[in-house]
Amino acid sequence: MDNAALGIVRSYIENHLDKTDSKPEFEVFTVWKAKALQNWKFLISSTLPDGMYYELTFNGDRHEWYLDAYKKFENKVYPENIVLETA
């Protein structure tokens, strides 16, 4: 299951690289995964400096994979006391 998930994301990345650039070397890796009943959920990233991450879901009933690709725009830290004051 892990190899299939990583292969799907690697293929997606390779198919979406700029065709005019040389193909970079990169690795894909699992950040997090979970299994619930017959379904799997993976969060996957790569070593490319593009800010992308991928959510991959395996539907065990239909034996289908679903891929969502996301771009991280920002990572902010909020102290706990600020979060509590606005709630």
N, C-alpha and C. Protein backbone atom coordinates (compact mmCIF):
# COMPACT_ATOMS: atom_id res chain seq x y z
N MET A 1 0.84 -1.19 0.00
CA MET A 1 0.00 0.00 0.00
C MET A 1 0.88 1.26 0.00
N ASP A 2 1.94 1.26 0.83
CA ASP A 2 2.83 2.42 0.91
C ASP A 2 3.51 2.70 -0.43
N ASN A 3 4.03 1.66 -1.05
CA ASN A 3 4.72 1.83 -2.34
C ASN A 3 3.77 2.34 -3.41
N ALA A 4 2.54 1.87 -3.40
CA ALA A 4 1.55 2.34 -4.38
C ALA A 4 1.28 3.83 -4.18
N ALA A 5 1.10 4.25 -2.93
CA ALA A 5 0.83 5.66 -2.63
C ALA A 5 1.99 6.54 -3.07
N LEU A 6 3.22 6.14 -2.72
CA LEU A 6 4.39 6.92 -3.11
C LEU A 6 4.56 6.96 -4.62
N GLY A 7 4.26 5.86 -5.28
CA GLY A 7 4.37 5.81 -6.74
C GLY A 7 3.36 6.72 -7.43
N ILE A 8 2.16 6.78 -6.91
CA ILE A 8 1.13 7.65 -7.49
C ILE A 8 1.57 9.11 -7.38
N VAL A 9 2.08 9.51 -6.22
CA VAL A 9 2.50 10.89 -6.04
C VAL A 9 3.73 11.21 -6.89
N ARG A 10 4.69 10.29 -6.94
CA ARG A 10 5.88 10.51 -7.78
C ARG A 10 5.46 10.71 -9.23
N SER A 11 4.57 9.88 -9.73
CA SER A 11 4.10 9.99 -11.11
C SER A 11 3.39 11.33 -11.33
N TYR A 12 2.56 11.74 -10.38
CA TYR A 12 1.86 13.02 -10.50
C TYR A 12 2.86 14.16 -10.59
N ILE A 13 3.86 14.15 -9.70
CA ILE A 13 4.87 15.21 -9.70
C ILE A 13 5.62 15.23 -11.03
N GLU A 14 6.08 14.08 -11.48
CA GLU A 14 6.83 14.02 -12.74
C GLU A 14 6.00 14.53 -13.92
N ASN A 15 4.71 14.25 -13.93
CA ASN A 15 3.84 14.70 -15.01
C ASN A 15 3.53 16.19 -14.94
N HIS A 16 3.78 16.82 -13.78
CA HIS A 16 3.47 18.24 -13.62
C HIS A 16 4.70 19.13 -13.53
N LEU A 17 5.88 18.57 -13.75
CA LEU A 17 7.10 19.39 -13.80
C LEU A 17 7.11 20.20 -15.09
N ASP A 18 7.76 21.34 -15.04
CA ASP A 18 7.88 22.18 -16.23
C ASP A 18 8.66 21.41 -17.29
N LYS A 19 8.06 21.23 -18.44
CA LYS A 19 8.66 20.41 -19.50
C LYS A 19 9.93 21.05 -20.09
N THR A 20 10.10 22.36 -19.91
CA THR A 20 11.27 23.03 -20.47
C THR A 20 12.48 22.94 -19.55
N ASP A 21 12.29 22.52 -18.29
CA ASP A 21 13.40 22.37 -17.35
C ASP A 21 13.94 20.94 -17.40
N SER A 22 15.18 20.78 -16.96
CA SER A 22 15.70 19.42 -16.84
C SER A 22 15.02 18.75 -15.66
N LYS A 23 14.89 17.44 -15.73
CA LYS A 23 14.18 16.69 -14.68
C LYS A 23 15.04 16.63 -13.41
N PRO A 24 14.57 17.20 -12.30
CA PRO A 24 15.36 17.17 -11.07
C PRO A 24 15.26 15.82 -10.39
N GLU A 25 16.28 15.52 -9.60
CA GLU A 25 16.22 14.33 -8.76
C GLU A 25 15.48 14.71 -7.48
N PHE A 26 14.57 13.86 -7.05
CA PHE A 26 13.82 14.14 -5.83
C PHE A 26 13.32 12.83 -5.23
N GLU A 27 12.98 12.91 -3.98
CA GLU A 27 12.40 11.78 -3.26
C GLU A 27 11.00 12.16 -2.81
N VAL A 28 10.13 11.16 -2.70
CA VAL A 28 8.82 11.36 -2.08
C VAL A 28 8.79 10.55 -0.79
N PHE A 29 8.08 11.06 0.21
CA PHE A 29 8.07 10.39 1.50
C PHE A 29 6.73 10.62 2.19
N THR A 30 6.38 9.67 3.03
CA THR A 30 5.13 9.74 3.79
C THR A 30 5.36 10.58 5.04
N VAL A 31 4.51 11.58 5.22
CA VAL A 31 4.54 12.42 6.41
C VAL A 31 3.66 11.80 7.49
N TRP A 32 2.51 11.26 7.08
CA TRP A 32 1.54 10.70 8.02
C TRP A 32 0.65 9.74 7.24
N LYS A 33 0.19 8.69 7.92
CA LYS A 33 -0.79 7.80 7.30
C LYS A 33 -1.66 7.21 8.39
N ALA A 34 -2.87 6.82 8.00
CA ALA A 34 -3.81 6.19 8.94
C ALA A 34 -4.71 5.25 8.16
N LYS A 35 -5.18 4.23 8.86
CA LYS A 35 -6.12 3.27 8.27
C LYS A 35 -7.37 3.26 9.13
N ALA A 36 -8.52 3.38 8.48
CA ALA A 36 -9.81 3.29 9.15
C ALA A 36 -10.66 2.31 8.36
N LEU A 37 -11.00 1.20 9.00
CA LEU A 37 -11.71 0.11 8.33
C LEU A 37 -10.90 -0.33 7.12
N GLN A 38 -11.47 -0.26 5.93
CA GLN A 38 -10.75 -0.70 4.73
C GLN A 38 -10.13 0.47 3.96
N ASN A 39 -10.14 1.67 4.54
CA ASN A 39 -9.65 2.86 3.85
C ASN A 39 -8.31 3.32 4.41
N TRP A 40 -7.52 3.95 3.56
CA TRP A 40 -6.21 4.50 3.93
C TRP A 40 -6.17 5.97 3.60
N LYS A 41 -5.47 6.74 4.43
CA LYS A 41 -5.23 8.17 4.16
C LYS A 41 -3.73 8.41 4.33
N PHE A 42 -3.12 9.08 3.35
CA PHE A 42 -1.70 9.41 3.37
C PHE A 42 -1.52 10.91 3.18
N LEU A 43 -0.60 11.50 3.92
CA LEU A 43 -0.09 12.83 3.62
C LEU A 43 1.35 12.62 3.16
N ILE A 44 1.64 13.08 1.95
CA ILE A 44 2.92 12.81 1.31
C ILE A 44 3.53 14.12 0.85
N SER A 45 4.84 14.20 0.93
CA SER A 45 5.58 15.36 0.45
C SER A 45 6.76 14.89 -0.37
N SER A 46 7.53 15.84 -0.88
CA SER A 46 8.73 15.50 -1.65
C SER A 46 9.87 16.42 -1.21
N THR A 47 11.06 16.11 -1.70
CA THR A 47 12.22 16.93 -1.38
C THR A 47 12.35 18.13 -2.31
N LEU A 48 11.44 18.29 -3.25
CA LEU A 48 11.46 19.47 -4.12
C LEU A 48 11.12 20.71 -3.30
N PRO A 49 11.77 21.84 -3.55
CA PRO A 49 11.49 23.06 -2.78
C PRO A 49 10.31 23.84 -3.35
N ASP A 50 9.19 23.16 -3.58
CA ASP A 50 8.05 23.80 -4.23
C ASP A 50 6.88 24.08 -3.29
N GLY A 51 6.98 23.68 -2.03
CA GLY A 51 5.91 23.94 -1.06
C GLY A 51 4.67 23.10 -1.25
N MET A 52 4.75 22.04 -2.04
CA MET A 52 3.58 21.21 -2.31
C MET A 52 3.50 20.06 -1.30
N TYR A 53 2.27 19.67 -1.00
CA TYR A 53 2.05 18.42 -0.29
C TYR A 53 0.80 17.76 -0.87
N TYR A 54 0.67 16.47 -0.62
CA TYR A 54 -0.34 15.67 -1.31
C TYR A 54 -1.11 14.83 -0.31
N GLU A 55 -2.42 14.84 -0.46
CA GLU A 55 -3.30 14.01 0.35
C GLU A 55 -3.82 12.91 -0.55
N LEU A 56 -3.55 11.70 -0.18
CA LEU A 56 -3.93 10.55 -0.99
C LEU A 56 -4.82 9.64 -0.16
N THR A 57 -5.98 9.29 -0.70
CA THR A 57 -6.95 8.45 0.00
C THR A 57 -7.22 7.21 -0.84
N PHE A 58 -7.20 6.06 -0.18
CA PHE A 58 -7.59 4.81 -0.85
C PHE A 58 -8.94 4.39 -0.32
N ASN A 59 -9.92 4.27 -1.23
CA ASN A 59 -11.26 3.83 -0.89
C ASN A 59 -11.28 2.30 -1.05
N GLY A 60 -11.31 1.60 0.06
CA GLY A 60 -11.27 0.15 0.04
C GLY A 60 -12.52 -0.50 -0.53
N ASP A 61 -13.66 0.19 -0.46
CA ASP A 61 -14.89 -0.36 -1.03
C ASP A 61 -14.83 -0.37 -2.55
N ARG A 62 -14.33 0.71 -3.13
CA ARG A 62 -14.29 0.84 -4.59
C ARG A 62 -12.93 0.51 -5.18
N HIS A 63 -11.94 0.30 -4.33
CA HIS A 63 -10.57 0.05 -4.78
C HIS A 63 -10.10 1.16 -5.72
N GLU A 64 -10.28 2.42 -5.23
CA GLU A 64 -9.89 3.61 -5.99
C GLU A 64 -9.01 4.50 -5.11
N TRP A 65 -8.11 5.23 -5.78
CA TRP A 65 -7.27 6.22 -5.12
C TRP A 65 -7.78 7.61 -5.48
N TYR A 66 -7.71 8.54 -4.53
CA TYR A 66 -8.07 9.94 -4.76
C TYR A 66 -6.88 10.80 -4.34
N LEU A 67 -6.50 11.73 -5.19
CA LEU A 67 -5.34 12.58 -4.92
C LEU A 67 -5.76 14.04 -4.87
N ASP A 68 -5.35 14.72 -3.81
CA ASP A 68 -5.50 16.17 -3.69
C ASP A 68 -4.10 16.74 -3.55
N ALA A 69 -3.79 17.76 -4.35
CA ALA A 69 -2.48 18.42 -4.30
C ALA A 69 -2.67 19.82 -3.73
N TYR A 70 -1.83 20.17 -2.76
CA TYR A 70 -1.94 21.45 -2.07
C TYR A 70 -0.61 22.17 -2.10
N LYS A 71 -0.67 23.50 -2.07
CA LYS A 71 0.54 24.32 -1.96
C LYS A 71 0.48 25.07 -0.64
N LYS A 72 1.55 24.96 0.10
CA LYS A 72 1.64 25.66 1.39
C LYS A 72 2.04 27.11 1.12
N PHE A 73 1.22 28.04 1.57
CA PHE A 73 1.49 29.45 1.35
C PHE A 73 2.16 30.10 2.55
N GLU A 74 1.83 29.62 3.73
CA GLU A 74 2.35 30.27 4.92
C GLU A 74 2.28 29.33 6.10
N ASN A 75 3.19 29.53 7.03
CA ASN A 75 3.19 28.77 8.27
C ASN A 75 3.40 29.78 9.39
N LYS A 76 2.37 30.05 10.18
CA LYS A 76 2.44 31.04 11.24
C LYS A 76 2.31 30.36 12.59
N VAL A 77 2.95 30.93 13.57
CA VAL A 77 2.87 30.44 14.94
C VAL A 77 2.00 31.41 15.74
N TYR A 78 1.05 30.88 16.49
CA TYR A 78 0.19 31.67 17.37
C TYR A 78 0.37 31.18 18.79
N PRO A 79 0.84 32.04 19.70
CA PRO A 79 0.94 31.63 21.11
C PRO A 79 -0.43 31.23 21.64
N GLU A 80 -0.45 30.28 22.55
CA GLU A 80 -1.71 29.76 23.09
C GLU A 80 -2.58 30.86 23.67
N ASN A 81 -2.00 31.80 24.39
CA ASN A 81 -2.82 32.84 25.04
C ASN A 81 -3.53 33.73 24.01
N ILE A 82 -2.96 33.96 22.84
CA ILE A 82 -3.62 34.75 21.82
C ILE A 82 -4.81 33.99 21.27
N VAL A 83 -4.66 32.71 21.04
CA VAL A 83 -5.75 31.89 20.53
C VAL A 83 -6.90 31.85 21.52
N LEU A 84 -6.60 31.71 22.80
CA LEU A 84 -7.65 31.65 23.82
C LEU A 84 -8.38 32.97 23.97
N GLU A 85 -7.70 34.11 23.81
CA GLU A 85 -8.33 35.40 23.97
C GLU A 85 -9.35 35.69 22.88
N THR A 86 -9.15 35.15 21.69
CA THR A 86 -10.05 35.43 20.58
C THR A 86 -11.19 34.43 20.50
N ALA A 87 -11.12 33.37 21.27
CA ALA A 87 -12.15 32.34 21.18
C ALA A 87 -13.40 32.73 21.97
